[in-house]
Every structure is written in C-alpha cells, then in structure tokens.
C-alpha cells in the first residue's frame, strides 16, 4: 500500500504523543505508526494535516525533525513560486546572532496570526482571506518598511547620542560614563 494511502486512512492522533518517524542511513523515512516509508511530500502533508510527529535518526535516536522540516521547505521553495526571495534569505542569514530572537519571534507571531485567522474564518473563506491579504500586501509592506526605517533611525540616533557623551549604552542601568563610575 502506498504511503499516501496509509496516511489518509490513519485518523489524527488525539493524544500528545507524536508519531515516530525514523530516518535510516539510506535517507529513507519510515513511519512507525503506519509501517510505511514516507517522502518529503508526505511529511509536508502531515504538517498541513496538523499531525504531530518527530523524526529521529534510526541509529542514534538524534532528533532530526527541524532538519527534515527545513528539507521540506527547500523542496517547496524549489518548485513553483517561492516564498523567500534571495534578498530575504540573505537577510535571515544576517539576523543569526544577536538579533535572531527578535526576528524569530516576529516571524512566529506573524505566521501564527495568519493561521489563527484562517482557522477562525473556516476553510470556505480561506480564498477570500488570501485575496484580502494579496490586496493588503503593498500596504503592509509599506507599513513594515516605515517601521523598520523608524526603528533604524531611533537606534542610530541613540548610538550617536551615547557617542557624543563618550559613553556606551548599558541596557541595565542607563548610559555608562567614562571613568567616573556613575
């Protein structure tokens, strides 16, 4: 029986135990719940169907879920119309380090908001929501650009102020002053 058929016949898991999917050295994914091999498309469908799962290395038991999800995204980005532009991907890479918490939190909240709206409005209006969002995209992009520009200007002005007084910003106790210990 193909993996897709086995997955469709399996009801959603109601408990909190995720389905265990093992990844073998030959790069094959094996769903221990359905006793069948899966493809990245099958993994994507599990995500769409909101079925909890965990991918582990069959030999070591190492959790590979994030790695497999990144492969699913890469697969989706390679075909059709990608979500991420080259510039966006470069920007995401640049955010790794001190700013990744901010970007991660922003992206998480943004995606969760879209998911919440879709679940509250129901499946029949998801096309209407999509149309609405496409119409709003230029407005939202302009608002985000303005917000980012204002944040950047505020940050640079703050840095310039501290530079004028010879101090460095101290997020806990205000600006540090040179040598006077205050």
N, C-alpha and C. Protein backbone atom coordinates (compact mmCIF):
# COMPACT_ATOMS: atom_id res chain seq x y z
N UNK A 1 0.85 -1.17 0.00
CA UNK A 1 0.00 0.00 0.00
C UNK A 1 0.89 1.24 0.00
N UNK A 2 0.67 2.24 -0.87
CA UNK A 2 1.50 3.44 -0.90
C UNK A 2 1.38 4.22 0.42
N UNK A 3 2.42 4.96 0.73
CA UNK A 3 2.45 5.72 1.98
C UNK A 3 1.30 6.72 2.06
N UNK A 4 0.96 7.33 0.91
CA UNK A 4 -0.13 8.30 0.93
C UNK A 4 -1.45 7.68 1.34
N UNK A 5 -1.75 6.49 0.84
CA UNK A 5 -3.00 5.83 1.22
C UNK A 5 -2.99 5.48 2.69
N UNK A 6 -1.91 4.96 3.18
CA UNK A 6 -1.83 4.57 4.59
C UNK A 6 -2.04 5.79 5.48
N UNK A 7 -1.47 6.92 5.10
CA UNK A 7 -1.59 8.12 5.90
C UNK A 7 -3.02 8.62 5.91
N UNK A 8 -3.70 8.61 4.79
CA UNK A 8 -5.07 9.10 4.73
C UNK A 8 -6.02 8.24 5.54
N UNK A 9 -5.75 6.97 5.61
CA UNK A 9 -6.64 6.07 6.35
C UNK A 9 -6.40 6.14 7.85
N UNK A 10 -5.31 6.76 8.25
CA UNK A 10 -4.98 6.86 9.66
C UNK A 10 -5.66 8.08 10.26
N UNK A 11 -6.44 7.88 11.32
CA UNK A 11 -7.07 9.06 11.93
C UNK A 11 -6.03 9.92 12.62
N UNK A 12 -6.38 11.17 12.84
CA UNK A 12 -5.48 12.07 13.54
C UNK A 12 -5.25 11.58 14.96
N UNK A 13 -4.06 11.80 15.41
CA UNK A 13 -3.74 11.38 16.77
C UNK A 13 -4.35 12.39 17.74
N UNK A 14 -5.04 11.91 18.72
CA UNK A 14 -5.68 12.80 19.67
C UNK A 14 -4.84 12.99 20.92
N UNK A 15 -3.93 12.08 21.21
CA UNK A 15 -3.08 12.27 22.37
C UNK A 15 -1.89 13.14 22.00
N UNK A 16 -1.07 13.43 22.97
CA UNK A 16 0.05 14.34 22.73
C UNK A 16 1.31 13.62 22.25
N UNK A 17 1.25 12.30 22.12
CA UNK A 17 2.40 11.55 21.66
C UNK A 17 2.56 11.72 20.15
N UNK A 18 3.67 12.30 19.72
CA UNK A 18 3.85 12.46 18.27
C UNK A 18 4.16 11.12 17.59
N UNK A 19 3.79 11.05 16.31
CA UNK A 19 4.16 9.88 15.52
C UNK A 19 5.66 9.83 15.40
N UNK A 20 6.19 8.64 15.50
CA UNK A 20 7.63 8.47 15.39
C UNK A 20 7.99 8.10 13.96
N UNK A 21 8.86 8.90 13.38
CA UNK A 21 9.35 8.65 12.03
C UNK A 21 10.86 8.48 12.14
N UNK A 22 11.32 7.35 11.64
CA UNK A 22 12.75 7.06 11.71
C UNK A 22 13.40 7.35 10.37
N UNK A 23 14.58 7.96 10.44
CA UNK A 23 15.36 8.23 9.23
C UNK A 23 16.54 7.26 9.23
N UNK A 24 16.62 6.50 8.16
CA UNK A 24 17.67 5.50 8.04
C UNK A 24 18.85 6.05 7.24
N UNK A 25 20.02 5.41 7.34
CA UNK A 25 21.21 5.90 6.63
C UNK A 25 21.00 6.04 5.12
N UNK A 26 20.11 5.25 4.54
CA UNK A 26 19.85 5.35 3.10
C UNK A 26 18.95 6.55 2.78
N UNK A 27 18.72 7.42 3.76
CA UNK A 27 17.93 8.65 3.63
C UNK A 27 16.44 8.39 3.55
N UNK A 28 16.01 7.16 3.77
CA UNK A 28 14.58 6.85 3.73
C UNK A 28 13.96 7.16 5.08
N UNK A 29 12.72 7.62 5.02
CA UNK A 29 11.95 7.94 6.22
C UNK A 29 10.90 6.85 6.41
N UNK A 30 10.80 6.35 7.64
CA UNK A 30 9.89 5.24 7.92
C UNK A 30 8.95 5.64 9.05
N UNK A 31 7.65 5.64 8.76
CA UNK A 31 6.63 5.98 9.74
C UNK A 31 6.29 4.73 10.54
N UNK A 32 6.65 4.73 11.82
CA UNK A 32 6.41 3.54 12.65
C UNK A 32 4.92 3.36 12.96
N UNK A 33 4.13 4.42 12.80
CA UNK A 33 2.69 4.33 13.06
C UNK A 33 1.95 3.60 11.94
N UNK A 34 2.34 3.89 10.71
CA UNK A 34 1.67 3.28 9.55
C UNK A 34 2.48 2.14 8.95
N UNK A 35 3.68 1.91 9.46
CA UNK A 35 4.59 0.89 8.93
C UNK A 35 4.82 1.07 7.44
N UNK A 36 5.12 2.32 7.06
CA UNK A 36 5.35 2.60 5.64
C UNK A 36 6.43 3.67 5.50
N UNK A 37 7.04 3.71 4.31
CA UNK A 37 8.04 4.72 4.02
C UNK A 37 7.34 6.00 3.59
N UNK A 38 7.97 7.13 3.91
CA UNK A 38 7.42 8.43 3.59
C UNK A 38 8.38 9.22 2.70
N UNK A 39 7.81 10.15 1.98
CA UNK A 39 8.60 11.11 1.20
C UNK A 39 8.51 12.47 1.89
N UNK A 40 9.26 13.44 1.39
CA UNK A 40 9.14 14.79 1.94
C UNK A 40 7.74 15.35 1.70
N UNK A 41 7.12 14.97 0.60
CA UNK A 41 5.74 15.40 0.33
C UNK A 41 4.80 14.84 1.39
N UNK A 42 5.04 13.61 1.83
CA UNK A 42 4.23 13.02 2.90
C UNK A 42 4.43 13.77 4.22
N UNK A 43 5.67 14.14 4.50
CA UNK A 43 5.96 14.91 5.72
C UNK A 43 5.23 16.25 5.65
N UNK A 44 5.28 16.89 4.49
CA UNK A 44 4.58 18.17 4.32
C UNK A 44 3.09 17.99 4.59
N UNK A 45 2.52 16.89 4.11
CA UNK A 45 1.09 16.65 4.33
C UNK A 45 0.77 16.44 5.80
N UNK A 46 1.68 15.79 6.54
CA UNK A 46 1.48 15.64 7.98
C UNK A 46 1.40 17.01 8.65
N UNK A 47 2.26 17.92 8.21
CA UNK A 47 2.25 19.28 8.76
C UNK A 47 0.93 19.97 8.41
N UNK A 48 0.52 19.88 7.15
CA UNK A 48 -0.73 20.51 6.71
C UNK A 48 -1.91 19.94 7.48
N UNK A 49 -1.89 18.63 7.72
CA UNK A 49 -2.97 17.96 8.45
C UNK A 49 -2.85 18.13 9.95
N UNK A 50 -1.82 18.85 10.39
CA UNK A 50 -1.58 19.12 11.81
C UNK A 50 -1.45 17.85 12.64
N UNK A 51 -0.75 16.88 12.08
CA UNK A 51 -0.48 15.62 12.77
C UNK A 51 0.90 15.73 13.41
N UNK A 52 0.93 15.57 14.72
CA UNK A 52 2.19 15.68 15.45
C UNK A 52 3.12 14.53 15.09
N UNK A 53 4.39 14.85 14.87
CA UNK A 53 5.37 13.81 14.55
C UNK A 53 6.75 14.27 15.01
N UNK A 54 7.63 13.29 15.11
CA UNK A 54 9.03 13.56 15.42
C UNK A 54 9.86 12.64 14.55
N UNK A 55 10.87 13.22 13.92
CA UNK A 55 11.78 12.44 13.08
C UNK A 55 13.07 12.23 13.88
N UNK A 56 13.47 10.97 13.99
CA UNK A 56 14.70 10.65 14.70
C UNK A 56 15.60 9.81 13.82
N UNK A 57 16.90 9.92 14.07
CA UNK A 57 17.87 9.07 13.39
C UNK A 57 17.66 7.65 13.92
N UNK A 58 17.49 6.70 13.01
CA UNK A 58 17.20 5.32 13.39
C UNK A 58 18.31 4.70 14.22
N UNK A 59 19.53 5.13 13.99
CA UNK A 59 20.68 4.53 14.68
C UNK A 59 20.97 5.21 16.02
N UNK A 60 21.07 6.54 16.00
CA UNK A 60 21.49 7.27 17.20
C UNK A 60 20.33 7.78 18.05
N UNK A 61 19.14 7.90 17.46
CA UNK A 61 18.00 8.44 18.19
C UNK A 61 17.97 9.97 18.21
N UNK A 62 18.94 10.60 17.54
CA UNK A 62 19.02 12.07 17.49
C UNK A 62 17.76 12.64 16.83
N UNK A 63 17.25 13.72 17.39
CA UNK A 63 16.06 14.37 16.85
C UNK A 63 16.44 15.12 15.57
N UNK A 64 15.83 14.74 14.45
CA UNK A 64 16.12 15.34 13.15
C UNK A 64 14.92 16.12 12.60
N UNK A 65 13.93 16.37 13.44
CA UNK A 65 12.69 16.99 12.97
C UNK A 65 12.95 18.32 12.27
N UNK A 66 13.70 19.22 12.91
CA UNK A 66 13.96 20.53 12.30
C UNK A 66 14.68 20.39 10.97
N UNK A 67 15.65 19.49 10.90
CA UNK A 67 16.40 19.27 9.67
C UNK A 67 15.47 18.81 8.54
N UNK A 68 14.57 17.89 8.85
CA UNK A 68 13.64 17.38 7.85
C UNK A 68 12.65 18.49 7.44
N UNK A 69 12.19 19.28 8.40
CA UNK A 69 11.28 20.38 8.05
C UNK A 69 11.97 21.40 7.15
N UNK A 70 13.25 21.66 7.40
CA UNK A 70 14.00 22.56 6.51
C UNK A 70 14.11 21.96 5.11
N UNK A 71 14.26 20.65 5.02
CA UNK A 71 14.29 19.99 3.71
C UNK A 71 12.94 20.12 3.00
N UNK A 72 11.85 20.03 3.76
CA UNK A 72 10.51 20.20 3.18
C UNK A 72 10.37 21.62 2.62
N UNK A 73 10.85 22.61 3.38
CA UNK A 73 10.79 23.99 2.92
C UNK A 73 11.64 24.16 1.66
N UNK A 74 12.85 23.60 1.66
CA UNK A 74 13.72 23.68 0.49
C UNK A 74 13.04 23.06 -0.73
N UNK A 75 12.40 21.91 -0.52
CA UNK A 75 11.69 21.23 -1.60
C UNK A 75 10.56 22.10 -2.14
N UNK A 76 9.80 22.73 -1.22
CA UNK A 76 8.69 23.59 -1.63
C UNK A 76 9.20 24.85 -2.34
N UNK A 77 10.33 25.38 -1.86
CA UNK A 77 10.90 26.59 -2.45
C UNK A 77 11.47 26.33 -3.84
N UNK A 78 11.87 25.09 -4.10
CA UNK A 78 12.48 24.74 -5.38
C UNK A 78 11.47 24.64 -6.51
N UNK A 79 10.23 24.36 -6.17
CA UNK A 79 9.19 24.21 -7.19
C UNK A 79 8.18 25.33 -7.08
N UNK A 80 7.60 25.71 -8.18
CA UNK A 80 6.56 26.74 -8.16
C UNK A 80 7.10 28.11 -7.84
N UNK A 81 6.27 28.89 -7.14
CA UNK A 81 6.64 30.25 -6.78
C UNK A 81 7.12 30.28 -5.33
N UNK A 82 8.39 30.59 -5.12
CA UNK A 82 8.93 30.55 -3.76
C UNK A 82 8.39 31.67 -2.88
N UNK A 83 8.39 31.43 -1.58
CA UNK A 83 8.00 32.45 -0.60
C UNK A 83 9.18 33.39 -0.36
N UNK A 84 10.38 32.81 -0.26
CA UNK A 84 11.56 33.57 0.11
C UNK A 84 12.33 34.04 -1.12
N UNK A 85 12.55 35.34 -1.21
CA UNK A 85 13.43 35.87 -2.25
C UNK A 85 14.88 35.66 -1.81
N UNK A 86 15.79 35.81 -2.74
CA UNK A 86 17.21 35.70 -2.41
C UNK A 86 17.59 36.74 -1.36
N UNK A 87 17.09 37.97 -1.52
CA UNK A 87 17.39 39.04 -0.58
C UNK A 87 16.85 38.71 0.81
N UNK A 88 15.65 38.13 0.87
CA UNK A 88 15.06 37.77 2.15
C UNK A 88 15.90 36.69 2.84
N UNK A 89 16.32 35.69 2.08
CA UNK A 89 17.16 34.64 2.66
C UNK A 89 18.48 35.21 3.18
N UNK A 90 19.06 36.15 2.43
CA UNK A 90 20.30 36.79 2.89
C UNK A 90 20.03 37.57 4.18
N UNK A 91 18.90 38.25 4.23
CA UNK A 91 18.54 38.99 5.44
C UNK A 91 18.36 38.07 6.64
N UNK A 92 17.71 36.93 6.43
CA UNK A 92 17.53 35.97 7.52
C UNK A 92 18.88 35.49 8.02
N UNK A 93 19.78 35.18 7.09
CA UNK A 93 21.12 34.72 7.48
C UNK A 93 21.83 35.80 8.29
N UNK A 94 21.68 37.06 7.89
CA UNK A 94 22.33 38.15 8.61
C UNK A 94 21.77 38.32 10.02
N UNK A 95 20.53 37.90 10.25
CA UNK A 95 19.92 38.04 11.57
C UNK A 95 20.41 37.01 12.57
N UNK A 96 21.07 35.94 12.12
CA UNK A 96 21.59 34.96 13.06
C UNK A 96 22.65 35.64 13.92
N UNK A 97 22.56 35.44 15.19
CA UNK A 97 23.45 36.10 16.15
C UNK A 97 22.60 36.90 17.11
N UNK A 98 22.99 38.14 17.36
CA UNK A 98 22.30 38.90 18.41
C UNK A 98 20.83 39.24 18.12
N UNK A 99 20.42 39.22 16.87
CA UNK A 99 19.07 39.64 16.53
C UNK A 99 18.12 38.48 16.20
N UNK A 100 18.60 37.26 16.24
CA UNK A 100 17.76 36.15 15.79
C UNK A 100 16.53 35.97 16.66
N UNK A 101 16.61 36.29 17.94
CA UNK A 101 15.44 36.18 18.81
C UNK A 101 14.33 37.12 18.38
N UNK A 102 14.71 38.33 18.00
CA UNK A 102 13.74 39.32 17.56
C UNK A 102 13.07 38.86 16.27
N UNK A 103 13.87 38.46 15.29
CA UNK A 103 13.32 38.02 14.01
C UNK A 103 12.49 36.75 14.18
N UNK A 104 13.01 35.80 14.94
CA UNK A 104 12.27 34.55 15.16
C UNK A 104 10.92 34.80 15.79
N UNK A 105 10.90 35.66 16.80
CA UNK A 105 9.65 35.98 17.49
C UNK A 105 8.67 36.69 16.54
N UNK A 106 9.19 37.63 15.75
CA UNK A 106 8.34 38.35 14.80
C UNK A 106 7.75 37.40 13.76
N UNK A 107 8.59 36.56 13.17
CA UNK A 107 8.09 35.61 12.16
C UNK A 107 7.09 34.64 12.77
N UNK A 108 7.38 34.15 13.96
CA UNK A 108 6.49 33.21 14.63
C UNK A 108 5.12 33.84 14.87
N UNK A 109 5.09 35.06 15.40
CA UNK A 109 3.82 35.75 15.67
C UNK A 109 3.07 36.05 14.37
N UNK A 110 3.79 36.45 13.35
CA UNK A 110 3.15 36.76 12.06
C UNK A 110 2.50 35.53 11.46
N UNK A 111 3.22 34.43 11.45
CA UNK A 111 2.68 33.19 10.88
C UNK A 111 1.53 32.68 11.72
N UNK A 112 1.66 32.75 13.05
CA UNK A 112 0.58 32.28 13.92
C UNK A 112 -0.68 33.12 13.73
N UNK A 113 -0.54 34.42 13.50
CA UNK A 113 -1.69 35.28 13.25
C UNK A 113 -2.44 34.84 12.00
N UNK A 114 -1.71 34.56 10.93
CA UNK A 114 -2.36 34.10 9.70
C UNK A 114 -3.07 32.77 9.94
N UNK A 115 -2.42 31.85 10.65
CA UNK A 115 -3.03 30.55 10.95
C UNK A 115 -4.30 30.74 11.79
N UNK A 116 -4.24 31.62 12.79
CA UNK A 116 -5.41 31.87 13.65
C UNK A 116 -6.58 32.44 12.84
N UNK A 117 -6.30 33.40 11.97
CA UNK A 117 -7.37 33.99 11.16
C UNK A 117 -7.98 32.92 10.26
N UNK A 118 -7.14 32.10 9.64
CA UNK A 118 -7.65 31.05 8.76
C UNK A 118 -8.52 30.06 9.54
N UNK A 119 -8.10 29.69 10.73
CA UNK A 119 -8.87 28.71 11.49
C UNK A 119 -10.17 29.31 12.01
N UNK A 120 -10.18 30.60 12.31
CA UNK A 120 -11.40 31.25 12.79
C UNK A 120 -12.40 31.53 11.68
N UNK A 121 -11.92 31.75 10.47
CA UNK A 121 -12.83 32.08 9.37
C UNK A 121 -13.28 30.84 8.61
N UNK A 122 -12.65 29.71 8.84
CA UNK A 122 -13.07 28.47 8.19
C UNK A 122 -12.47 28.27 6.83
N UNK A 123 -12.56 27.04 6.35
CA UNK A 123 -11.94 26.66 5.07
C UNK A 123 -12.58 27.38 3.89
N UNK A 124 -13.90 27.58 3.92
CA UNK A 124 -14.55 28.17 2.75
C UNK A 124 -14.14 29.61 2.50
N UNK A 125 -13.66 30.31 3.52
CA UNK A 125 -13.28 31.70 3.30
C UNK A 125 -11.76 31.88 3.20
N UNK A 126 -11.02 30.80 3.15
CA UNK A 126 -9.56 30.95 3.06
C UNK A 126 -9.17 31.60 1.73
N UNK A 127 -9.93 31.36 0.68
CA UNK A 127 -9.65 32.03 -0.59
C UNK A 127 -9.92 33.53 -0.47
N UNK A 128 -11.00 33.90 0.21
CA UNK A 128 -11.31 35.31 0.43
C UNK A 128 -10.22 35.97 1.27
N UNK A 129 -9.72 35.25 2.30
CA UNK A 129 -8.64 35.76 3.13
C UNK A 129 -7.39 35.95 2.29
N UNK A 130 -7.09 35.00 1.43
CA UNK A 130 -5.92 35.08 0.57
C UNK A 130 -6.03 36.29 -0.35
N UNK A 131 -7.21 36.49 -0.95
CA UNK A 131 -7.42 37.65 -1.81
C UNK A 131 -7.23 38.95 -1.04
N UNK A 132 -7.80 39.00 0.17
CA UNK A 132 -7.68 40.18 1.01
C UNK A 132 -6.21 40.48 1.31
N UNK A 133 -5.46 39.43 1.69
CA UNK A 133 -4.05 39.62 2.04
C UNK A 133 -3.24 40.05 0.83
N UNK A 134 -3.56 39.52 -0.36
CA UNK A 134 -2.83 39.94 -1.56
C UNK A 134 -3.08 41.42 -1.85
N UNK A 135 -4.30 41.87 -1.60
CA UNK A 135 -4.62 43.29 -1.79
C UNK A 135 -3.91 44.15 -0.74
N UNK A 136 -3.73 43.60 0.45
CA UNK A 136 -3.12 44.35 1.54
C UNK A 136 -1.59 44.33 1.49
N UNK A 137 -1.03 43.41 0.71
CA UNK A 137 0.42 43.23 0.71
C UNK A 137 1.19 44.54 0.49
N UNK A 138 0.86 45.34 -0.52
CA UNK A 138 1.63 46.58 -0.70
C UNK A 138 1.51 47.52 0.50
N UNK A 139 0.32 47.60 1.09
CA UNK A 139 0.11 48.47 2.26
C UNK A 139 0.94 47.95 3.43
N UNK A 140 0.88 46.63 3.67
CA UNK A 140 1.61 46.04 4.78
C UNK A 140 3.12 46.18 4.58
N UNK A 141 3.57 45.98 3.36
CA UNK A 141 4.99 46.12 3.08
C UNK A 141 5.46 47.55 3.35
N UNK A 142 4.63 48.52 2.96
CA UNK A 142 4.98 49.92 3.20
C UNK A 142 5.01 50.23 4.69
N UNK A 143 4.01 49.71 5.44
CA UNK A 143 4.00 49.91 6.89
C UNK A 143 5.22 49.29 7.55
N UNK A 144 5.56 48.08 7.14
CA UNK A 144 6.73 47.41 7.70
C UNK A 144 8.01 48.15 7.35
N UNK A 145 8.11 48.65 6.12
CA UNK A 145 9.29 49.41 5.72
C UNK A 145 9.41 50.67 6.58
N UNK A 146 8.28 51.36 6.81
CA UNK A 146 8.31 52.56 7.65
C UNK A 146 8.71 52.22 9.08
N UNK A 147 8.18 51.14 9.61
CA UNK A 147 8.51 50.71 10.97
C UNK A 147 10.00 50.40 11.09
N UNK A 148 10.52 49.66 10.14
CA UNK A 148 11.93 49.30 10.16
C UNK A 148 12.80 50.55 10.01
N UNK A 149 12.42 51.44 9.11
CA UNK A 149 13.19 52.68 8.93
C UNK A 149 13.19 53.51 10.21
N UNK A 150 12.02 53.61 10.88
CA UNK A 150 11.94 54.38 12.13
C UNK A 150 12.76 53.72 13.23
N UNK A 151 12.70 52.40 13.32
CA UNK A 151 13.48 51.69 14.33
C UNK A 151 14.97 51.88 14.09
N UNK A 152 15.37 51.81 12.83
CA UNK A 152 16.77 52.01 12.48
C UNK A 152 17.22 53.42 12.86
N UNK A 153 16.40 54.42 12.52
CA UNK A 153 16.74 55.81 12.83
C UNK A 153 16.83 56.02 14.34
N UNK A 154 15.90 55.44 15.10
CA UNK A 154 15.93 55.56 16.56
C UNK A 154 17.20 54.94 17.12
N UNK A 155 17.53 53.76 16.63
CA UNK A 155 18.74 53.08 17.11
C UNK A 155 19.99 53.90 16.80
N UNK A 156 20.09 54.39 15.56
CA UNK A 156 21.27 55.18 15.17
C UNK A 156 21.36 56.47 15.96
N UNK A 157 20.22 57.13 16.20
CA UNK A 157 20.23 58.36 16.99
C UNK A 157 20.67 58.09 18.42
N UNK A 158 20.21 56.97 18.98
CA UNK A 158 20.62 56.61 20.33
C UNK A 158 22.11 56.36 20.38
N UNK A 159 22.64 55.65 19.40
CA UNK A 159 24.08 55.38 19.36
C UNK A 159 24.86 56.68 19.21
N UNK A 160 24.36 57.60 18.38
CA UNK A 160 25.04 58.88 18.20
C UNK A 160 25.05 59.70 19.48
N UNK A 161 23.93 59.69 20.23
CA UNK A 161 23.87 60.41 21.49
C UNK A 161 24.90 59.88 22.48
N UNK A 162 24.99 58.58 22.60
CA UNK A 162 25.96 57.99 23.51
C UNK A 162 27.38 58.30 23.04
N UNK A 163 27.57 58.31 21.75
CA UNK A 163 28.89 58.61 21.20
C UNK A 163 29.30 60.05 21.49
N UNK A 164 28.35 60.99 21.47
CA UNK A 164 28.65 62.39 21.74
C UNK A 164 29.12 62.59 23.18
N UNK A 165 28.59 61.78 24.10
CA UNK A 165 28.96 61.92 25.50
C UNK A 165 30.07 60.97 25.91
N UNK A 166 30.61 60.24 24.93
CA UNK A 166 31.72 59.35 25.19
C UNK A 166 31.36 58.11 25.98
N UNK A 167 30.11 57.79 26.04
CA UNK A 167 29.68 56.61 26.81
C UNK A 167 29.19 55.51 25.91
N UNK A 168 28.92 54.41 26.54
CA UNK A 168 28.35 53.27 25.83
C UNK A 168 27.02 52.95 26.46
N UNK A 169 26.04 52.52 25.67
CA UNK A 169 24.74 52.19 26.26
C UNK A 169 24.87 50.99 27.20
N UNK A 170 24.21 51.09 28.34
CA UNK A 170 24.11 49.98 29.29
C UNK A 170 22.63 49.71 29.48
N UNK A 171 22.16 48.61 28.96
CA UNK A 171 20.73 48.35 28.98
C UNK A 171 20.18 48.13 30.37
N UNK A 172 21.03 47.86 31.35
CA UNK A 172 20.54 47.60 32.70
C UNK A 172 20.43 48.88 33.52
N UNK A 173 21.42 49.76 33.42
CA UNK A 173 21.48 50.92 34.32
C UNK A 173 21.60 52.25 33.59
N UNK A 174 21.24 52.34 32.34
CA UNK A 174 21.38 53.57 31.60
C UNK A 174 22.78 53.69 31.03
N UNK A 175 23.13 54.88 30.50
CA UNK A 175 24.44 55.03 29.86
C UNK A 175 25.58 54.96 30.86
N UNK A 176 26.67 54.35 30.45
CA UNK A 176 27.89 54.32 31.26
C UNK A 176 28.69 55.57 30.90
N UNK A 177 29.28 56.15 31.88
CA UNK A 177 30.11 57.34 31.64
C UNK A 177 31.56 56.95 31.77
N UNK A 178 32.41 57.67 31.10
CA UNK A 178 33.83 57.34 31.07
C UNK A 178 34.51 57.64 32.41
N UNK A 179 34.99 56.61 33.06
CA UNK A 179 35.88 56.72 34.19
C UNK A 179 35.30 57.21 35.49
N UNK A 180 34.09 57.78 35.53
CA UNK A 180 33.63 58.34 36.78
C UNK A 180 32.79 57.36 37.59
N UNK A 181 32.54 56.16 37.08
CA UNK A 181 31.87 55.09 37.82
C UNK A 181 30.40 55.30 38.04
N UNK A 182 29.83 56.35 37.50
CA UNK A 182 28.39 56.60 37.67
C UNK A 182 27.61 56.02 36.52
